[in-house]
Amino acid sequence: MLLIPTVTPIPLVTDANGVVRISKTRITLDTVVTAFLEGATAEEIREQYPSLHLWDIYLVIGYYLQHQGEVDTYLLERQRLATEIQQEAEKRFNPIGVRDRLLARRNPQG
């Protein structure tokens, strides 16, 4: 049997919001790379996210290792945006006293 080398595409797609996801899943590049950087193996990532194929996880990790600077820049920007959104939400909906307000709604006499 003769093995013929083929090129396998990296299973990453960018959605309408600019979020990079693993093809045909809702799982983000952030999720896989963060798990990898925290020491998870591809097999452990597969256990946590059964909708991913093991070969896709290896391809994504390989892509990260080949394009680490670009991916790290993307991840930092995503973190910055997440922090900005969280701060905006906390301004609009002050989290201090949420528990007390919810309990007060539950027991109007109290």
N, C-alpha and C. Protein backbone atom coordinates (compact mmCIF):
# COMPACT_ATOMS: atom_id res chain seq x y z
N MET A 1 0.84 -1.18 0.00
CA MET A 1 0.00 0.00 0.00
C MET A 1 0.89 1.24 0.00
N LEU A 2 0.59 2.15 -0.87
CA LEU A 2 1.34 3.39 -1.00
C LEU A 2 0.61 4.50 -0.26
N LEU A 3 1.30 5.12 0.68
CA LEU A 3 0.70 6.25 1.40
C LEU A 3 0.95 7.53 0.62
N ILE A 4 -0.10 8.24 0.37
CA ILE A 4 0.02 9.49 -0.37
C ILE A 4 -0.21 10.63 0.61
N PRO A 5 0.79 11.51 0.79
CA PRO A 5 0.61 12.64 1.70
C PRO A 5 -0.52 13.54 1.24
N THR A 6 -1.35 13.95 2.18
CA THR A 6 -2.43 14.87 1.86
C THR A 6 -2.36 16.05 2.81
N VAL A 7 -3.01 17.11 2.43
CA VAL A 7 -3.09 18.29 3.27
C VAL A 7 -4.45 18.27 3.96
N THR A 8 -4.42 18.30 5.28
CA THR A 8 -5.65 18.31 6.05
C THR A 8 -5.91 19.74 6.51
N PRO A 9 -7.09 20.28 6.19
CA PRO A 9 -7.37 21.66 6.61
C PRO A 9 -7.51 21.76 8.14
N ILE A 10 -7.12 22.91 8.66
CA ILE A 10 -7.28 23.18 10.08
C ILE A 10 -8.77 23.41 10.34
N PRO A 11 -9.36 22.73 11.31
CA PRO A 11 -10.81 22.82 11.51
C PRO A 11 -11.22 24.05 12.32
N LEU A 12 -10.92 25.22 11.79
CA LEU A 12 -11.28 26.47 12.47
C LEU A 12 -12.12 27.33 11.55
N VAL A 13 -13.15 27.94 12.11
CA VAL A 13 -13.98 28.87 11.36
C VAL A 13 -14.21 30.10 12.23
N THR A 14 -14.37 31.23 11.58
CA THR A 14 -14.66 32.47 12.29
C THR A 14 -16.13 32.79 12.08
N ASP A 15 -16.86 32.99 13.17
CA ASP A 15 -18.29 33.26 13.04
C ASP A 15 -18.53 34.74 12.75
N ALA A 16 -19.78 35.12 12.64
CA ALA A 16 -20.15 36.49 12.27
C ALA A 16 -19.68 37.51 13.30
N ASN A 17 -19.45 37.08 14.53
CA ASN A 17 -18.98 37.98 15.59
C ASN A 17 -17.47 38.02 15.72
N GLY A 18 -16.77 37.32 14.83
CA GLY A 18 -15.31 37.30 14.87
C GLY A 18 -14.73 36.30 15.85
N VAL A 19 -15.57 35.40 16.35
CA VAL A 19 -15.10 34.39 17.29
C VAL A 19 -14.66 33.16 16.50
N VAL A 20 -13.46 32.67 16.80
CA VAL A 20 -12.93 31.50 16.12
C VAL A 20 -13.41 30.26 16.86
N ARG A 21 -14.06 29.37 16.11
CA ARG A 21 -14.61 28.14 16.69
C ARG A 21 -14.05 26.92 15.95
N ILE A 22 -14.13 25.77 16.63
CA ILE A 22 -13.78 24.52 15.98
C ILE A 22 -14.92 24.21 15.01
N SER A 23 -14.60 23.87 13.78
CA SER A 23 -15.60 23.63 12.74
C SER A 23 -16.69 22.69 13.22
N LYS A 24 -17.92 23.04 12.86
CA LYS A 24 -19.12 22.24 13.14
C LYS A 24 -19.39 22.05 14.63
N THR A 25 -18.84 22.93 15.47
CA THR A 25 -19.14 22.89 16.91
C THR A 25 -19.33 24.32 17.39
N ARG A 26 -19.75 24.45 18.64
CA ARG A 26 -19.84 25.77 19.26
C ARG A 26 -18.62 26.05 20.13
N ILE A 27 -17.67 25.15 20.15
CA ILE A 27 -16.50 25.26 21.02
C ILE A 27 -15.49 26.21 20.39
N THR A 28 -15.01 27.14 21.22
CA THR A 28 -14.11 28.17 20.71
C THR A 28 -12.65 27.73 20.74
N LEU A 29 -11.87 28.40 19.92
CA LEU A 29 -10.42 28.21 19.93
C LEU A 29 -9.88 28.51 21.32
N ASP A 30 -10.42 29.53 21.97
CA ASP A 30 -10.01 29.90 23.33
C ASP A 30 -10.09 28.70 24.27
N THR A 31 -11.19 27.97 24.19
CA THR A 31 -11.44 26.85 25.08
C THR A 31 -10.37 25.78 24.93
N VAL A 32 -10.07 25.40 23.70
CA VAL A 32 -9.10 24.34 23.46
C VAL A 32 -7.70 24.79 23.83
N VAL A 33 -7.32 25.98 23.42
CA VAL A 33 -5.97 26.47 23.71
C VAL A 33 -5.78 26.66 25.21
N THR A 34 -6.77 27.21 25.89
CA THR A 34 -6.65 27.42 27.34
C THR A 34 -6.50 26.08 28.06
N ALA A 35 -7.29 25.10 27.68
CA ALA A 35 -7.18 23.77 28.30
C ALA A 35 -5.79 23.19 28.06
N PHE A 36 -5.28 23.33 26.84
CA PHE A 36 -3.95 22.84 26.51
C PHE A 36 -2.89 23.56 27.34
N LEU A 37 -2.99 24.88 27.45
CA LEU A 37 -2.00 25.65 28.23
C LEU A 37 -2.07 25.34 29.72
N GLU A 38 -3.24 24.88 30.18
CA GLU A 38 -3.39 24.50 31.58
C GLU A 38 -2.93 23.06 31.83
N GLY A 39 -2.42 22.41 30.78
CA GLY A 39 -1.82 21.09 30.94
C GLY A 39 -2.68 19.92 30.50
N ALA A 40 -3.86 20.17 29.97
CA ALA A 40 -4.72 19.07 29.53
C ALA A 40 -4.16 18.46 28.25
N THR A 41 -4.25 17.15 28.16
CA THR A 41 -3.87 16.47 26.92
C THR A 41 -5.04 16.55 25.94
N ALA A 42 -4.77 16.20 24.70
CA ALA A 42 -5.83 16.19 23.70
C ALA A 42 -6.94 15.22 24.12
N GLU A 43 -6.55 14.10 24.70
CA GLU A 43 -7.53 13.11 25.15
C GLU A 43 -8.39 13.66 26.30
N GLU A 44 -7.78 14.42 27.20
CA GLU A 44 -8.55 15.03 28.30
C GLU A 44 -9.49 16.10 27.78
N ILE A 45 -9.05 16.86 26.80
CA ILE A 45 -9.92 17.88 26.19
C ILE A 45 -11.10 17.18 25.52
N ARG A 46 -10.84 16.07 24.86
CA ARG A 46 -11.91 15.28 24.21
C ARG A 46 -12.93 14.79 25.24
N GLU A 47 -12.44 14.37 26.40
CA GLU A 47 -13.35 13.92 27.46
C GLU A 47 -14.26 15.06 27.94
N GLN A 48 -13.69 16.26 28.04
CA GLN A 48 -14.47 17.42 28.49
C GLN A 48 -15.44 17.91 27.43
N TYR A 49 -15.08 17.75 26.18
CA TYR A 49 -15.88 18.28 25.07
C TYR A 49 -16.12 17.17 24.05
N PRO A 50 -17.07 16.29 24.32
CA PRO A 50 -17.28 15.13 23.46
C PRO A 50 -17.72 15.45 22.03
N SER A 51 -18.15 16.69 21.77
CA SER A 51 -18.52 17.04 20.40
C SER A 51 -17.29 17.24 19.52
N LEU A 52 -16.10 17.30 20.13
CA LEU A 52 -14.87 17.45 19.35
C LEU A 52 -14.32 16.08 18.97
N HIS A 53 -13.74 16.03 17.78
CA HIS A 53 -13.02 14.83 17.36
C HIS A 53 -11.58 14.96 17.84
N LEU A 54 -10.99 13.86 18.24
CA LEU A 54 -9.62 13.88 18.74
C LEU A 54 -8.66 14.45 17.69
N TRP A 55 -8.86 14.06 16.42
CA TRP A 55 -7.96 14.55 15.37
C TRP A 55 -8.08 16.07 15.20
N ASP A 56 -9.28 16.63 15.41
CA ASP A 56 -9.44 18.08 15.32
C ASP A 56 -8.70 18.77 16.45
N ILE A 57 -8.74 18.19 17.63
CA ILE A 57 -8.02 18.78 18.78
C ILE A 57 -6.53 18.82 18.49
N TYR A 58 -5.99 17.72 17.98
CA TYR A 58 -4.56 17.70 17.65
C TYR A 58 -4.23 18.72 16.57
N LEU A 59 -5.09 18.86 15.57
CA LEU A 59 -4.84 19.84 14.51
C LEU A 59 -4.87 21.27 15.07
N VAL A 60 -5.81 21.54 15.97
CA VAL A 60 -5.91 22.88 16.56
C VAL A 60 -4.69 23.17 17.45
N ILE A 61 -4.28 22.20 18.23
CA ILE A 61 -3.08 22.39 19.06
C ILE A 61 -1.86 22.61 18.17
N GLY A 62 -1.75 21.85 17.11
CA GLY A 62 -0.64 22.04 16.16
C GLY A 62 -0.68 23.43 15.54
N TYR A 63 -1.87 23.88 15.18
CA TYR A 63 -2.01 25.23 14.63
C TYR A 63 -1.55 26.26 15.65
N TYR A 64 -1.99 26.08 16.89
CA TYR A 64 -1.57 27.01 17.95
C TYR A 64 -0.05 27.04 18.07
N LEU A 65 0.58 25.88 18.09
CA LEU A 65 2.03 25.83 18.25
C LEU A 65 2.76 26.46 17.07
N GLN A 66 2.19 26.38 15.89
CA GLN A 66 2.80 27.00 14.71
C GLN A 66 2.54 28.49 14.61
N HIS A 67 1.45 28.96 15.20
CA HIS A 67 1.05 30.37 15.09
C HIS A 67 0.82 30.98 16.47
N GLN A 68 1.69 30.64 17.40
CA GLN A 68 1.49 31.02 18.79
C GLN A 68 1.35 32.52 18.99
N GLY A 69 2.16 33.30 18.35
CA GLY A 69 2.10 34.75 18.51
C GLY A 69 0.76 35.32 18.07
N GLU A 70 0.30 34.90 16.90
CA GLU A 70 -0.98 35.38 16.38
C GLU A 70 -2.14 34.94 17.27
N VAL A 71 -2.12 33.68 17.68
CA VAL A 71 -3.21 33.16 18.51
C VAL A 71 -3.19 33.83 19.88
N ASP A 72 -2.01 34.02 20.46
CA ASP A 72 -1.92 34.71 21.75
C ASP A 72 -2.47 36.13 21.66
N THR A 73 -2.18 36.82 20.57
CA THR A 73 -2.71 38.17 20.36
C THR A 73 -4.24 38.12 20.28
N TYR A 74 -4.77 37.17 19.54
CA TYR A 74 -6.22 36.98 19.43
C TYR A 74 -6.82 36.69 20.80
N LEU A 75 -6.19 35.80 21.58
CA LEU A 75 -6.71 35.45 22.90
C LEU A 75 -6.68 36.66 23.85
N LEU A 76 -5.64 37.45 23.79
CA LEU A 76 -5.56 38.65 24.63
C LEU A 76 -6.66 39.65 24.26
N GLU A 77 -6.93 39.79 22.98
CA GLU A 77 -8.00 40.70 22.54
C GLU A 77 -9.35 40.18 23.01
N ARG A 78 -9.58 38.88 22.91
CA ARG A 78 -10.82 38.28 23.40
C ARG A 78 -10.98 38.51 24.90
N GLN A 79 -9.88 38.38 25.65
CA GLN A 79 -9.94 38.59 27.10
C GLN A 79 -10.23 40.06 27.40
N ARG A 80 -9.62 40.95 26.64
CA ARG A 80 -9.88 42.38 26.83
C ARG A 80 -11.35 42.71 26.58
N LEU A 81 -11.90 42.16 25.51
CA LEU A 81 -13.31 42.39 25.20
C LEU A 81 -14.22 41.81 26.28
N ALA A 82 -13.89 40.63 26.78
CA ALA A 82 -14.70 40.00 27.82
C ALA A 82 -14.68 40.85 29.09
N THR A 83 -13.52 41.38 29.44
CA THR A 83 -13.41 42.24 30.62
C THR A 83 -14.22 43.51 30.43
N GLU A 84 -14.13 44.08 29.25
CA GLU A 84 -14.88 45.30 28.93
C GLU A 84 -16.40 45.05 29.03
N ILE A 85 -16.85 43.94 28.48
CA ILE A 85 -18.28 43.60 28.54
C ILE A 85 -18.72 43.37 29.98
N GLN A 86 -17.90 42.69 30.76
CA GLN A 86 -18.24 42.43 32.16
C GLN A 86 -18.34 43.74 32.94
N GLN A 87 -17.39 44.64 32.72
CA GLN A 87 -17.42 45.92 33.42
C GLN A 87 -18.66 46.72 33.04
N GLU A 88 -19.01 46.70 31.77
CA GLU A 88 -20.21 47.41 31.31
C GLU A 88 -21.47 46.81 31.95
N ALA A 89 -21.53 45.50 31.99
CA ALA A 89 -22.68 44.83 32.61
C ALA A 89 -22.77 45.16 34.10
N GLU A 90 -21.64 45.20 34.77
CA GLU A 90 -21.64 45.50 36.20
C GLU A 90 -22.04 46.95 36.47
N LYS A 91 -21.73 47.85 35.52
CA LYS A 91 -22.18 49.24 35.66
C LYS A 91 -23.70 49.31 35.54
N ARG A 92 -24.24 48.58 34.58
CA ARG A 92 -25.68 48.61 34.33
C ARG A 92 -26.47 47.83 35.37
N PHE A 93 -25.89 46.74 35.83
CA PHE A 93 -26.57 45.86 36.78
C PHE A 93 -25.63 45.59 37.95
N ASN A 94 -25.65 46.47 38.92
CA ASN A 94 -24.74 46.39 40.05
C ASN A 94 -24.90 45.04 40.77
N PRO A 95 -23.80 44.24 40.84
CA PRO A 95 -23.91 42.93 41.46
C PRO A 95 -23.97 42.98 43.00
N ILE A 96 -23.62 44.11 43.57
CA ILE A 96 -23.64 44.22 45.03
C ILE A 96 -25.08 44.23 45.51
N GLY A 97 -25.39 43.34 46.40
CA GLY A 97 -26.73 43.26 46.95
C GLY A 97 -27.73 42.47 46.12
N VAL A 98 -27.27 41.80 45.06
CA VAL A 98 -28.17 41.03 44.20
C VAL A 98 -28.91 39.97 45.01
N ARG A 99 -28.19 39.25 45.83
CA ARG A 99 -28.81 38.19 46.63
C ARG A 99 -29.92 38.76 47.51
N ASP A 100 -29.64 39.86 48.18
CA ASP A 100 -30.65 40.47 49.05
C ASP A 100 -31.87 40.93 48.25
N ARG A 101 -31.64 41.52 47.08
CA ARG A 101 -32.77 41.97 46.25
C ARG A 101 -33.61 40.79 45.78
N LEU A 102 -32.95 39.71 45.39
CA LEU A 102 -33.70 38.53 44.94
C LEU A 102 -34.49 37.91 46.09
N LEU A 103 -33.87 37.83 47.26
CA LEU A 103 -34.58 37.28 48.42
C LEU A 103 -35.76 38.17 48.80
N ALA A 104 -35.61 39.47 48.67
CA ALA A 104 -36.69 40.40 48.98
C ALA A 104 -37.87 40.20 48.03
N ARG A 105 -37.59 39.92 46.79
CA ARG A 105 -38.66 39.66 45.81
C ARG A 105 -39.40 38.37 46.16
N ARG A 106 -38.67 37.42 46.68
CA ARG A 106 -39.25 36.14 47.00
C ARG A 106 -40.19 36.22 48.23
N ASN A 107 -39.80 37.09 49.15
CA ASN A 107 -40.56 37.24 50.40
C ASN A 107 -40.88 38.72 50.60
N PRO A 108 -41.94 39.20 49.99
CA PRO A 108 -42.23 40.65 50.04
C PRO A 108 -42.51 41.19 51.46
N GLN A 109 -42.89 40.33 52.40
CA GLN A 109 -43.15 40.81 53.77
C GLN A 109 -41.84 41.04 54.54
N GLY A 110 -40.77 40.39 54.10
CA GLY A 110 -39.63 40.31 54.91
C GLY A 110 -38.57 41.23 54.99
